[in-house]
């Protein structure tokens, strides 16, 4: 059921997002893993369109927050407003009460506002005036930050970046894909793409529960732990991945297995998700960073060196 539904979902989203099948698959993996995604990319690469199209195809609610320096925590979570008619304060929900939330340019808001979002991401609830409000299910945050124009921004601390299960980029389209974008736009004679609803929030939650039943061989678990542990032992790394990285591999590889129609994990599942799940958790020492070493260089080397279990 999950594999077929995901296939239909990706086909539908591909109507709007052209030539980025791997990125779309990774977003679906993040959704089924019940994890949040951070995009670090240049402007204009369809991140908002992708999030909105996923929400429409999923039959889920979608909201977008443009992060700015004057954005307050209550602008995200909501606040109590006095109702003169009923002579009482009533809670007015903020945009975080949705299924899919696009947090656009998250590094442009001050740390206090970032923290309000990240707390809700972790707890999947907000507490205001001592009252706890549960967020809808499913709840997925797709946050973006611009790798350029860093002046006047508030970079996310490493401990907060660690709360995103995946970090990835969309990247520019190929020449052929960019021409296809123009051809499709000409053919439909409007900006909006017609998207069919494939599923609904209740079924998404059910699919997430199915992912929880995927079998993991003990040898595969040892393989995951060895990969993550070696990120802490590499001499070029100042801070390696926390156990949250192991859990990310655990969850993401299960979701990938289900999408590809299996109820068990293979080493290829782990290899496929390792970069998006681990790279953003590594902090390099100044010397290798100056020399141009990237976190993906570390993880790629580790993946090449760790013996693959025979399962």
C-alpha atoms as a PDB file:
ATOM      1  CA  UNK A   1       0.000   0.000   0.000  1.00  0.00           C
ATOM      2  CA  UNK A   2       2.719   2.491   1.008  1.00  0.00           C
ATOM      3  CA  UNK A   3       4.870   1.810  -2.042  1.00  0.00           C
ATOM      4  CA  UNK A   4       1.990   2.202  -4.482  1.00  0.00           C
ATOM      5  CA  UNK A   5       0.618   5.322  -2.794  1.00  0.00           C
ATOM      6  CA  UNK A   6       4.067   6.924  -2.742  1.00  0.00           C
ATOM      7  CA  UNK A   7       4.559   6.114  -6.429  1.00  0.00           C
ATOM      8  CA  UNK A   8       1.269   7.846  -7.292  1.00  0.00           C
ATOM      9  CA  UNK A   9       2.180  10.760  -5.039  1.00  0.00           C
ATOM     10  CA  UNK A  10       5.557  11.291  -6.704  1.00  0.00           C
ATOM     11  CA  UNK A  11       3.979  11.052 -10.162  1.00  0.00           C
ATOM     12  CA  UNK A  12       1.529  13.787  -9.187  1.00  0.00           C
ATOM     13  CA  UNK A  13       4.154  16.104  -7.687  1.00  0.00           C
ATOM     14  CA  UNK A  14       6.332  15.559 -10.778  1.00  0.00           C
ATOM     15  CA  UNK A  15       3.713  17.430 -12.784  1.00  0.00           C
ATOM     16  CA  UNK A  16       4.945  20.624 -11.096  1.00  0.00           C
ATOM     17  CA  UNK A  17       8.546  19.741 -10.149  1.00  0.00           C
ATOM     18  CA  UNK A  18      10.421  18.570 -13.229  1.00  0.00           C
ATOM     19  CA  UNK A  19      13.619  16.525 -13.293  1.00  0.00           C
ATOM     20  CA  UNK A  20      14.098  16.269  -9.529  1.00  0.00           C
ATOM     21  CA  UNK A  21      12.927  12.711  -8.875  1.00  0.00           C
ATOM     22  CA  UNK A  22      15.634  11.975  -6.313  1.00  0.00           C
ATOM     23  CA  UNK A  23      14.807  15.124  -4.348  1.00  0.00           C
ATOM     24  CA  UNK A  24      11.082  14.300  -4.396  1.00  0.00           C
ATOM     25  CA  UNK A  25      11.777  10.744  -3.245  1.00  0.00           C
ATOM     26  CA  UNK A  26      13.870  12.087  -0.364  1.00  0.00           C
ATOM     27  CA  UNK A  27      11.044  14.420   0.666  1.00  0.00           C
ATOM     28  CA  UNK A  28       8.675  11.431   0.675  1.00  0.00           C
ATOM     29  CA  UNK A  29      11.211   9.512   2.790  1.00  0.00           C
ATOM     30  CA  UNK A  30      11.323  12.419   5.247  1.00  0.00           C
ATOM     31  CA  UNK A  31       7.527  12.531   5.392  1.00  0.00           C
ATOM     32  CA  UNK A  32       7.189   8.800   6.103  1.00  0.00           C
ATOM     33  CA  UNK A  33      10.003   9.051   8.673  1.00  0.00           C
ATOM     34  CA  UNK A  34       8.021  11.770  10.466  1.00  0.00           C
ATOM     35  CA  UNK A  35      11.093  13.993  10.259  1.00  0.00           C
ATOM     36  CA  UNK A  36      11.665  17.621   9.285  1.00  0.00           C
ATOM     37  CA  UNK A  37      13.729  18.792   6.308  1.00  0.00           C
ATOM     38  CA  UNK A  38      16.111  21.732   5.924  1.00  0.00           C
ATOM     39  CA  UNK A  39      16.846  23.009   2.405  1.00  0.00           C
ATOM     40  CA  UNK A  40      19.943  25.124   1.894  1.00  0.00           C
ATOM     41  CA  UNK A  41      19.604  26.451  -1.589  1.00  0.00           C
ATOM     42  CA  UNK A  42      19.547  29.491  -3.835  1.00  0.00           C
ATOM     43  CA  UNK A  43      16.305  31.434  -4.430  1.00  0.00           C
ATOM     44  CA  UNK A  44      13.908  30.487  -7.182  1.00  0.00           C
ATOM     45  CA  UNK A  45      14.438  26.714  -7.214  1.00  0.00           C
ATOM     46  CA  UNK A  46      10.777  25.771  -6.540  1.00  0.00           C
ATOM     47  CA  UNK A  47      11.077  24.913  -2.828  1.00  0.00           C
ATOM     48  CA  UNK A  48       7.794  26.670  -2.005  1.00  0.00           C
ATOM     49  CA  UNK A  49       6.100  25.132  -5.036  1.00  0.00           C
ATOM     50  CA  UNK A  50       7.356  21.689  -4.029  1.00  0.00           C
ATOM     51  CA  UNK A  51       6.069  21.964  -0.462  1.00  0.00           C
ATOM     52  CA  UNK A  52       2.708  23.308  -1.624  1.00  0.00           C
ATOM     53  CA  UNK A  53       2.357  20.647  -4.332  1.00  0.00           C
ATOM     54  CA  UNK A  54       3.132  17.865  -1.859  1.00  0.00           C
ATOM     55  CA  UNK A  55       0.485  19.239   0.497  1.00  0.00           C
ATOM     56  CA  UNK A  56      -2.127  19.397  -2.260  1.00  0.00           C
ATOM     57  CA  UNK A  57      -1.391  15.863  -3.461  1.00  0.00           C
ATOM     58  CA  UNK A  58      -1.458  14.595   0.122  1.00  0.00           C
ATOM     59  CA  UNK A  59      -4.817  16.243   0.800  1.00  0.00           C
ATOM     60  CA  UNK A  60      -3.084  18.044   3.669  1.00  0.00           C
ATOM     61  CA  UNK A  61      -3.137  21.628   4.907  1.00  0.00           C
ATOM     62  CA  UNK A  62      -0.243  23.911   3.944  1.00  0.00           C
ATOM     63  CA  UNK A  63       0.985  27.201   5.359  1.00  0.00           C
ATOM     64  CA  UNK A  64       4.040  29.327   4.694  1.00  0.00           C
ATOM     65  CA  UNK A  65       5.868  31.637   7.071  1.00  0.00           C
ATOM     66  CA  UNK A  66       8.255  34.220   5.670  1.00  0.00           C
ATOM     67  CA  UNK A  67      10.874  34.630   8.383  1.00  0.00           C
ATOM     68  CA  UNK A  68      11.936  38.250   8.910  1.00  0.00           C
ATOM     69  CA  UNK A  69      13.955  40.057  11.625  1.00  0.00           C
ATOM     70  CA  UNK A  70      10.772  41.433  13.242  1.00  0.00           C
ATOM     71  CA  UNK A  71       8.934  38.062  13.385  1.00  0.00           C
ATOM     72  CA  UNK A  72       7.821  37.199  16.935  1.00  0.00           C
ATOM     73  CA  UNK A  73       7.329  33.724  18.459  1.00  0.00           C
ATOM     74  CA  UNK A  74       3.585  34.393  18.780  1.00  0.00           C
ATOM     75  CA  UNK A  75       3.460  35.094  15.027  1.00  0.00           C
ATOM     76  CA  UNK A  76       4.262  31.395  14.626  1.00  0.00           C
ATOM     77  CA  UNK A  77       2.523  29.705  17.527  1.00  0.00           C
ATOM     78  CA  UNK A  78      -0.502  31.965  17.986  1.00  0.00           C
ATOM     79  CA  UNK A  79      -1.711  33.847  21.040  1.00  0.00           C
ATOM     80  CA  UNK A  80      -4.727  34.575  23.219  1.00  0.00           C
ATOM     81  CA  UNK A  81      -6.977  37.375  21.982  1.00  0.00           C
ATOM     82  CA  UNK A  82      -9.704  39.045  24.020  1.00  0.00           C
ATOM     83  CA  UNK A  83     -13.197  38.378  22.672  1.00  0.00           C
ATOM     84  CA  UNK A  84     -15.492  41.259  23.679  1.00  0.00           C
ATOM     85  CA  UNK A  85     -18.625  39.334  22.698  1.00  0.00           C
ATOM     86  CA  UNK A  86     -17.974  36.434  25.075  1.00  0.00           C
ATOM     87  CA  UNK A  87     -15.977  38.534  27.552  1.00  0.00           C
ATOM     88  CA  UNK A  88     -13.051  36.089  27.606  1.00  0.00           C
ATOM     89  CA  UNK A  89      -9.660  35.403  26.077  1.00  0.00           C
ATOM     90  CA  UNK A  90      -9.668  32.901  23.212  1.00  0.00           C
ATOM     91  CA  UNK A  91      -6.735  31.168  21.611  1.00  0.00           C
ATOM     92  CA  UNK A  92      -6.049  32.184  18.032  1.00  0.00           C
ATOM     93  CA  UNK A  93      -3.930  29.547  16.324  1.00  0.00           C
ATOM     94  CA  UNK A  94      -0.779  30.558  14.516  1.00  0.00           C
ATOM     95  CA  UNK A  95       0.322  29.185  11.121  1.00  0.00           C
ATOM     96  CA  UNK A  96       2.210  26.334  12.797  1.00  0.00           C
ATOM     97  CA  UNK A  97      -1.113  24.526  13.182  1.00  0.00           C
ATOM     98  CA  UNK A  98      -0.955  22.806   9.799  1.00  0.00           C
ATOM     99  CA  UNK A  99       0.219  19.540   8.233  1.00  0.00           C
ATOM    100  CA  UNK A 100       3.010  20.929   6.079  1.00  0.00           C
ATOM    101  CA  UNK A 101       4.720  24.172   7.044  1.00  0.00           C
ATOM    102  CA  UNK A 102       7.216  25.983   4.852  1.00  0.00           C
ATOM    103  CA  UNK A 103       9.537  28.050   7.065  1.00  0.00           C
ATOM    104  CA  UNK A 104      11.043  30.307   4.407  1.00  0.00           C
ATOM    105  CA  UNK A 105      14.516  31.759   5.097  1.00  0.00           C
ATOM    106  CA  UNK A 106      14.499  30.532   8.678  1.00  0.00           C
ATOM    107  CA  UNK A 107      17.881  32.136   9.369  1.00  0.00           C
ATOM    108  CA  UNK A 108      16.442  35.651   8.911  1.00  0.00           C
ATOM    109  CA  UNK A 109      14.430  35.553  12.149  1.00  0.00           C
ATOM    110  CA  UNK A 110      16.002  36.209  15.581  1.00  0.00           C
ATOM    111  CA  UNK A 111      17.035  33.228  17.745  1.00  0.00           C
ATOM    112  CA  UNK A 112      14.004  33.489  20.053  1.00  0.00           C
ATOM    113  CA  UNK A 113      11.641  33.070  17.109  1.00  0.00           C
ATOM    114  CA  UNK A 114      13.720  30.244  15.636  1.00  0.00           C
ATOM    115  CA  UNK A 115      13.608  28.513  19.023  1.00  0.00           C
ATOM    116  CA  UNK A 116       9.794  28.715  19.138  1.00  0.00           C
ATOM    117  CA  UNK A 117       9.561  26.870  15.823  1.00  0.00           C
ATOM    118  CA  UNK A 118      12.221  24.315  16.693  1.00  0.00           C
ATOM    119  CA  UNK A 119      10.589  23.544  20.044  1.00  0.00           C
ATOM    120  CA  UNK A 120       7.278  22.887  18.308  1.00  0.00           C
ATOM    121  CA  UNK A 121       9.081  20.692  15.768  1.00  0.00           C
ATOM    122  CA  UNK A 122      10.588  18.596  18.542  1.00  0.00           C
ATOM    123  CA  UNK A 123       7.590  18.376  20.871  1.00  0.00           C
ATOM    124  CA  UNK A 124       4.879  18.529  18.172  1.00  0.00           C
ATOM    125  CA  UNK A 125       2.945  20.780  20.483  1.00  0.00           C
ATOM    126  CA  UNK A 126       2.991  24.379  21.729  1.00  0.00           C
ATOM    127  CA  UNK A 127       2.353  25.599  25.256  1.00  0.00           C
ATOM    128  CA  UNK A 128       0.918  29.090  25.664  1.00  0.00           C
ATOM    129  CA  UNK A 129      -0.186  30.586  28.977  1.00  0.00           C
ATOM    130  CA  UNK A 130       0.283  27.166  30.557  1.00  0.00           C
ATOM    131  CA  UNK A 131      -2.089  25.451  28.139  1.00  0.00           C
ATOM    132  CA  UNK A 132      -0.713  22.785  25.783  1.00  0.00           C
ATOM    133  CA  UNK A 133      -2.014  22.663  22.218  1.00  0.00           C
ATOM    134  CA  UNK A 134      -1.270  19.545  20.147  1.00  0.00           C
ATOM    135  CA  UNK A 135      -0.233  20.052  16.524  1.00  0.00           C
ATOM    136  CA  UNK A 136      -2.046  18.204  13.718  1.00  0.00           C
ATOM    137  CA  UNK A 137      -0.861  14.845  12.394  1.00  0.00           C
ATOM    138  CA  UNK A 138       1.103  14.518  10.245  1.00  0.00           C
ATOM    139  CA  UNK A 139       3.273  17.577  10.897  1.00  0.00           C
ATOM    140  CA  UNK A 140       6.232  18.268   8.614  1.00  0.00           C
ATOM    141  CA  UNK A 141       8.392  21.389   8.552  1.00  0.00           C
ATOM    142  CA  UNK A 142      10.288  22.176   5.377  1.00  0.00           C
ATOM    143  CA  UNK A 143      12.635  25.033   6.228  1.00  0.00           C
ATOM    144  CA  UNK A 144      14.845  26.949   3.818  1.00  0.00           C
ATOM    145  CA  UNK A 145      17.950  29.032   4.244  1.00  0.00           C
ATOM    146  CA  UNK A 146      19.897  30.927   1.616  1.00  0.00           C
ATOM    147  CA  UNK A 147      23.623  30.065   1.396  1.00  0.00           C
ATOM    148  CA  UNK A 148      24.311  33.575   0.085  1.00  0.00           C
ATOM    149  CA  UNK A 149      23.313  37.020   1.402  1.00  0.00           C
ATOM    150  CA  UNK A 150      24.234  36.098   4.969  1.00  0.00           C
ATOM    151  CA  UNK A 151      24.470  39.716   6.119  1.00  0.00           C
ATOM    152  CA  UNK A 152      21.837  40.485   8.742  1.00  0.00           C
ATOM    153  CA  UNK A 153      20.928  36.830   9.299  1.00  0.00           C
ATOM    154  CA  UNK A 154      20.936  34.679  12.428  1.00  0.00           C
ATOM    155  CA  UNK A 155      22.581  31.379  11.456  1.00  0.00           C
ATOM    156  CA  UNK A 156      21.008  28.348  13.085  1.00  0.00           C
ATOM    157  CA  UNK A 157      23.181  26.949  15.895  1.00  0.00           C
ATOM    158  CA  UNK A 158      24.491  23.440  15.301  1.00  0.00           C
ATOM    159  CA  UNK A 159      22.281  22.070  18.094  1.00  0.00           C
ATOM    160  CA  UNK A 160      19.217  23.376  16.268  1.00  0.00           C
ATOM    161  CA  UNK A 161      20.316  22.191  12.814  1.00  0.00           C
ATOM    162  CA  UNK A 162      20.699  18.759  14.427  1.00  0.00           C
ATOM    163  CA  UNK A 163      16.933  18.699  15.006  1.00  0.00           C
ATOM    164  CA  UNK A 164      16.296  18.465  11.272  1.00  0.00           C
ATOM    165  CA  UNK A 165      16.298  14.836  10.223  1.00  0.00           C
ATOM    166  CA  UNK A 166      17.515  15.718   6.727  1.00  0.00           C
ATOM    167  CA  UNK A 167      19.373  18.562   5.072  1.00  0.00           C
ATOM    168  CA  UNK A 168      19.577  18.763   1.300  1.00  0.00           C
ATOM    169  CA  UNK A 169      19.401  21.034  -1.718  1.00  0.00           C
ATOM    170  CA  UNK A 170      17.262  21.072  -4.854  1.00  0.00           C
ATOM    171  CA  UNK A 171      19.876  22.415  -7.249  1.00  0.00           C
ATOM    172  CA  UNK A 172      19.483  23.970 -10.670  1.00  0.00           C
ATOM    173  CA  UNK A 173      17.649  22.042 -13.400  1.00  0.00           C
ATOM    174  CA  UNK A 174      19.473  20.690 -16.439  1.00  0.00           C
ATOM    175  CA  UNK A 175      19.070  22.479 -19.774  1.00  0.00           C
ATOM    176  CA  UNK A 176      16.589  19.848 -20.955  1.00  0.00           C
ATOM    177  CA  UNK A 177      14.551  20.045 -17.749  1.00  0.00           C
ATOM    178  CA  UNK A 178      14.481  23.841 -17.822  1.00  0.00           C
ATOM    179  CA  UNK A 179      13.201  23.775 -21.400  1.00  0.00           C
ATOM    180  CA  UNK A 180      10.560  21.235 -20.327  1.00  0.00           C
ATOM    181  CA  UNK A 181       9.446  23.682 -17.599  1.00  0.00           C
ATOM    182  CA  UNK A 182       8.825  26.318 -20.295  1.00  0.00           C
ATOM    183  CA  UNK A 183       7.074  23.872 -22.650  1.00  0.00           C
ATOM    184  CA  UNK A 184       4.676  22.715 -19.928  1.00  0.00           C
ATOM    185  CA  UNK A 185       3.980  26.298 -18.877  1.00  0.00           C
ATOM    186  CA  UNK A 186       3.125  27.186 -22.478  1.00  0.00           C
ATOM    187  CA  UNK A 187       0.858  24.139 -22.853  1.00  0.00           C
ATOM    188  CA  UNK A 188      -1.252  24.752 -19.735  1.00  0.00           C
ATOM    189  CA  UNK A 189      -1.558  28.545 -20.344  1.00  0.00           C
ATOM    190  CA  UNK A 190      -1.530  29.401 -16.626  1.00  0.00           C
ATOM    191  CA  UNK A 191       0.921  29.446 -13.734  1.00  0.00           C
ATOM    192  CA  UNK A 192      -0.912  26.970 -11.500  1.00  0.00           C
ATOM    193  CA  UNK A 193      -0.512  23.240 -12.065  1.00  0.00           C
ATOM    194  CA  UNK A 194      -3.618  21.076 -11.620  1.00  0.00           C
ATOM    195  CA  UNK A 195      -2.844  18.490  -8.931  1.00  0.00           C
ATOM    196  CA  UNK A 196      -5.019  15.514  -7.982  1.00  0.00           C
ATOM    197  CA  UNK A 197      -5.434  14.499  -4.345  1.00  0.00           C
ATOM    198  CA  UNK A 198      -3.795  11.098  -3.838  1.00  0.00           C
ATOM    199  CA  UNK A 199      -4.346  10.443  -0.133  1.00  0.00           C
ATOM    200  CA  UNK A 200      -5.319  12.179   3.135  1.00  0.00           C
ATOM    201  CA  UNK A 201      -3.711  12.978   6.522  1.00  0.00           C
ATOM    202  CA  UNK A 202      -5.222   9.903   8.196  1.00  0.00           C
ATOM    203  CA  UNK A 203      -3.713   7.570   5.594  1.00  0.00           C
ATOM    204  CA  UNK A 204      -0.361   9.349   5.864  1.00  0.00           C
ATOM    205  CA  UNK A 205      -0.326   8.670   9.603  1.00  0.00           C
ATOM    206  CA  UNK A 206      -1.227   5.035   8.878  1.00  0.00           C
ATOM    207  CA  UNK A 207       1.677   4.783   6.420  1.00  0.00           C
ATOM    208  CA  UNK A 208       4.035   6.225   9.033  1.00  0.00           C
ATOM    209  CA  UNK A 209       2.868   3.493  11.417  1.00  0.00           C
ATOM    210  CA  UNK A 210       3.556   0.834   8.755  1.00  0.00           C
ATOM    211  CA  UNK A 211       7.142   2.107   8.495  1.00  0.00           C
ATOM    212  CA  UNK A 212       7.544   1.350  12.215  1.00  0.00           C
ATOM    213  CA  UNK A 213       7.083  -2.365  11.459  1.00  0.00           C
ATOM    214  CA  UNK A 214      10.078  -2.664   9.111  1.00  0.00           C
ATOM    215  CA  UNK A 215      12.570  -5.328  10.221  1.00  0.00           C
ATOM    216  CA  UNK A 216      16.187  -4.377  10.889  1.00  0.00           C
ATOM    217  CA  UNK A 217      18.827  -7.085  11.155  1.00  0.00           C
ATOM    218  CA  UNK A 218      21.219  -6.647  14.137  1.00  0.00           C
ATOM    219  CA  UNK A 219      24.148  -6.621  11.668  1.00  0.00           C
ATOM    220  CA  UNK A 220      22.535  -3.646   9.900  1.00  0.00           C
ATOM    221  CA  UNK A 221      22.227  -1.819  13.225  1.00  0.00           C
ATOM    222  CA  UNK A 222      25.917  -2.459  13.892  1.00  0.00           C
ATOM    223  CA  UNK A 223      26.665  -1.060  10.412  1.00  0.00           C
ATOM    224  CA  UNK A 224      24.710   2.143  11.215  1.00  0.00           C
ATOM    225  CA  UNK A 225      26.447   2.619  14.563  1.00  0.00           C
ATOM    226  CA  UNK A 226      29.880   2.068  13.014  1.00  0.00           C
ATOM    227  CA  UNK A 227      29.231   4.744  10.378  1.00  0.00           C
ATOM    228  CA  UNK A 228      28.058   7.307  12.943  1.00  0.00           C
ATOM    229  CA  UNK A 229      30.832   6.484  15.428  1.00  0.00           C
ATOM    230  CA  UNK A 230      33.503   7.001  12.776  1.00  0.00           C
ATOM    231  CA  UNK A 231      32.248  10.563  12.192  1.00  0.00           C
ATOM    232  CA  UNK A 232      33.403  11.284  15.764  1.00  0.00           C
ATOM    233  CA  UNK A 233      36.780   9.628  15.251  1.00  0.00           C
ATOM    234  CA  UNK A 234      37.866  11.318  12.012  1.00  0.00           C
ATOM    235  CA  UNK A 235      40.792  13.664  12.832  1.00  0.00           C
ATOM    236  CA  UNK A 236      39.326  16.391  10.615  1.00  0.00           C
ATOM    237  CA  UNK A 237      36.075  16.531  12.586  1.00  0.00           C
ATOM    238  CA  UNK A 238      35.650  18.769  15.628  1.00  0.00           C
ATOM    239  CA  UNK A 239      32.186  17.470  16.536  1.00  0.00           C
ATOM    240  CA  UNK A 240      30.804  14.282  15.017  1.00  0.00           C
ATOM    241  CA  UNK A 241      27.236  13.110  14.760  1.00  0.00           C
ATOM    242  CA  UNK A 242      25.226  12.646  17.936  1.00  0.00           C
ATOM    243  CA  UNK A 243      23.086   9.525  18.523  1.00  0.00           C
ATOM    244  CA  UNK A 244      20.358  11.530  16.824  1.00  0.00           C
ATOM    245  CA  UNK A 245      22.285  10.771  13.623  1.00  0.00           C
ATOM    246  CA  UNK A 246      21.997   7.030  14.254  1.00  0.00           C
ATOM    247  CA  UNK A 247      18.271   7.430  14.809  1.00  0.00           C
ATOM    248  CA  UNK A 248      18.008   9.436  11.586  1.00  0.00           C
ATOM    249  CA  UNK A 249      19.676   6.618   9.617  1.00  0.00           C
ATOM    250  CA  UNK A 250      17.391   4.134  11.380  1.00  0.00           C
ATOM    251  CA  UNK A 251      14.198   6.029  10.498  1.00  0.00           C
ATOM    252  CA  UNK A 252      15.139   7.189   7.006  1.00  0.00           C
ATOM    253  CA  UNK A 253      16.377   3.792   5.836  1.00  0.00           C
ATOM    254  CA  UNK A 254      13.161   2.138   7.047  1.00  0.00           C
ATOM    255  CA  UNK A 255      11.065   4.643   5.110  1.00  0.00           C
ATOM    256  CA  UNK A 256      13.150   4.106   1.974  1.00  0.00           C
ATOM    257  CA  UNK A 257      12.752   0.341   2.276  1.00  0.00           C
ATOM    258  CA  UNK A 258       8.959   0.648   2.454  1.00  0.00           C
ATOM    259  CA  UNK A 259       8.853   3.040  -0.503  1.00  0.00           C
ATOM    260  CA  UNK A 260      10.745   0.454  -2.544  1.00  0.00           C
ATOM    261  CA  UNK A 261       8.322  -2.273  -1.506  1.00  0.00           C
ATOM    262  CA  UNK A 262      10.356  -4.058   1.180  1.00  0.00           C
ATOM    263  CA  UNK A 263       9.692  -4.814   4.864  1.00  0.00           C
ATOM    264  CA  UNK A 264      13.391  -5.030   5.685  1.00  0.00           C
ATOM    265  CA  UNK A 265      16.421  -2.726   5.371  1.00  0.00           C
ATOM    266  CA  UNK A 266      19.412  -3.333   3.100  1.00  0.00           C
ATOM    267  CA  UNK A 267      22.828  -1.605   3.238  1.00  0.00           C
ATOM    268  CA  UNK A 268      21.870   0.250   0.052  1.00  0.00           C
ATOM    269  CA  UNK A 269      19.053   1.975   1.963  1.00  0.00           C
ATOM    270  CA  UNK A 270      21.565   3.297   4.481  1.00  0.00           C
ATOM    271  CA  UNK A 271      24.033   4.382   1.787  1.00  0.00           C
ATOM    272  CA  UNK A 272      21.256   6.273   0.014  1.00  0.00           C
ATOM    273  CA  UNK A 273      20.140   8.302   3.054  1.00  0.00           C
ATOM    274  CA  UNK A 274      23.461   8.699   4.889  1.00  0.00           C
ATOM    275  CA  UNK A 275      24.495  11.960   3.232  1.00  0.00           C
ATOM    276  CA  UNK A 276      21.203  13.794   3.817  1.00  0.00           C
ATOM    277  CA  UNK A 277      20.942  12.351   7.319  1.00  0.00           C
ATOM    278  CA  UNK A 278      24.494  12.957   8.576  1.00  0.00           C
ATOM    279  CA  UNK A 279      26.349  15.708   6.705  1.00  0.00           C
ATOM    280  CA  UNK A 280      24.687  18.596   8.555  1.00  0.00           C
ATOM    281  CA  UNK A 281      25.549  17.046  11.921  1.00  0.00           C
ATOM    282  CA  UNK A 282      29.325  17.295  11.407  1.00  0.00           C
ATOM    283  CA  UNK A 283      31.387  20.313  12.486  1.00  0.00           C
ATOM    284  CA  UNK A 284      34.827  20.353  10.898  1.00  0.00           C
ATOM    285  CA  UNK A 285      38.006  21.725  12.442  1.00  0.00           C
ATOM    286  CA  UNK A 286      39.132  25.114  11.069  1.00  0.00           C
ATOM    287  CA  UNK A 287      42.181  23.806   9.182  1.00  0.00           C
ATOM    288  CA  UNK A 288      40.412  21.256   6.945  1.00  0.00           C
ATOM    289  CA  UNK A 289      37.503  23.648   6.477  1.00  0.00           C
ATOM    290  CA  UNK A 290      39.894  26.315   5.181  1.00  0.00           C
ATOM    291  CA  UNK A 291      41.417  23.738   2.843  1.00  0.00           C
ATOM    292  CA  UNK A 292      37.976  23.155   1.347  1.00  0.00           C
ATOM    293  CA  UNK A 293      37.103  19.852   3.004  1.00  0.00           C
ATOM    294  CA  UNK A 294      33.318  19.360   3.173  1.00  0.00           C
ATOM    295  CA  UNK A 295      31.240  17.195   5.528  1.00  0.00           C
ATOM    296  CA  UNK A 296      30.209  15.048   2.563  1.00  0.00           C
ATOM    297  CA  UNK A 297      33.878  14.260   1.957  1.00  0.00           C
ATOM    298  CA  UNK A 298      33.999  12.775   5.460  1.00  0.00           C
ATOM    299  CA  UNK A 299      30.811  10.725   5.139  1.00  0.00           C
ATOM    300  CA  UNK A 300      31.707   9.496   1.643  1.00  0.00           C
ATOM    301  CA  UNK A 301      35.080   8.283   2.913  1.00  0.00           C
ATOM    302  CA  UNK A 302      33.455   6.544   5.870  1.00  0.00           C
ATOM    303  CA  UNK A 303      30.839   4.864   3.668  1.00  0.00           C
ATOM    304  CA  UNK A 304      33.600   3.580   1.409  1.00  0.00           C
ATOM    305  CA  UNK A 305      35.639   2.190   4.312  1.00  0.00           C
ATOM    306  CA  UNK A 306      33.069   0.595   6.621  1.00  0.00           C
ATOM    307  CA  UNK A 307      32.600  -3.096   5.752  1.00  0.00           C
ATOM    308  CA  UNK A 308      29.141  -3.816   4.362  1.00  0.00           C
ATOM    309  CA  UNK A 309      27.368  -6.578   6.329  1.00  0.00           C
ATOM    310  CA  UNK A 310      26.343  -9.698   4.434  1.00  0.00           C
ATOM    311  CA  UNK A 311      22.618  -9.892   5.099  1.00  0.00           C
END
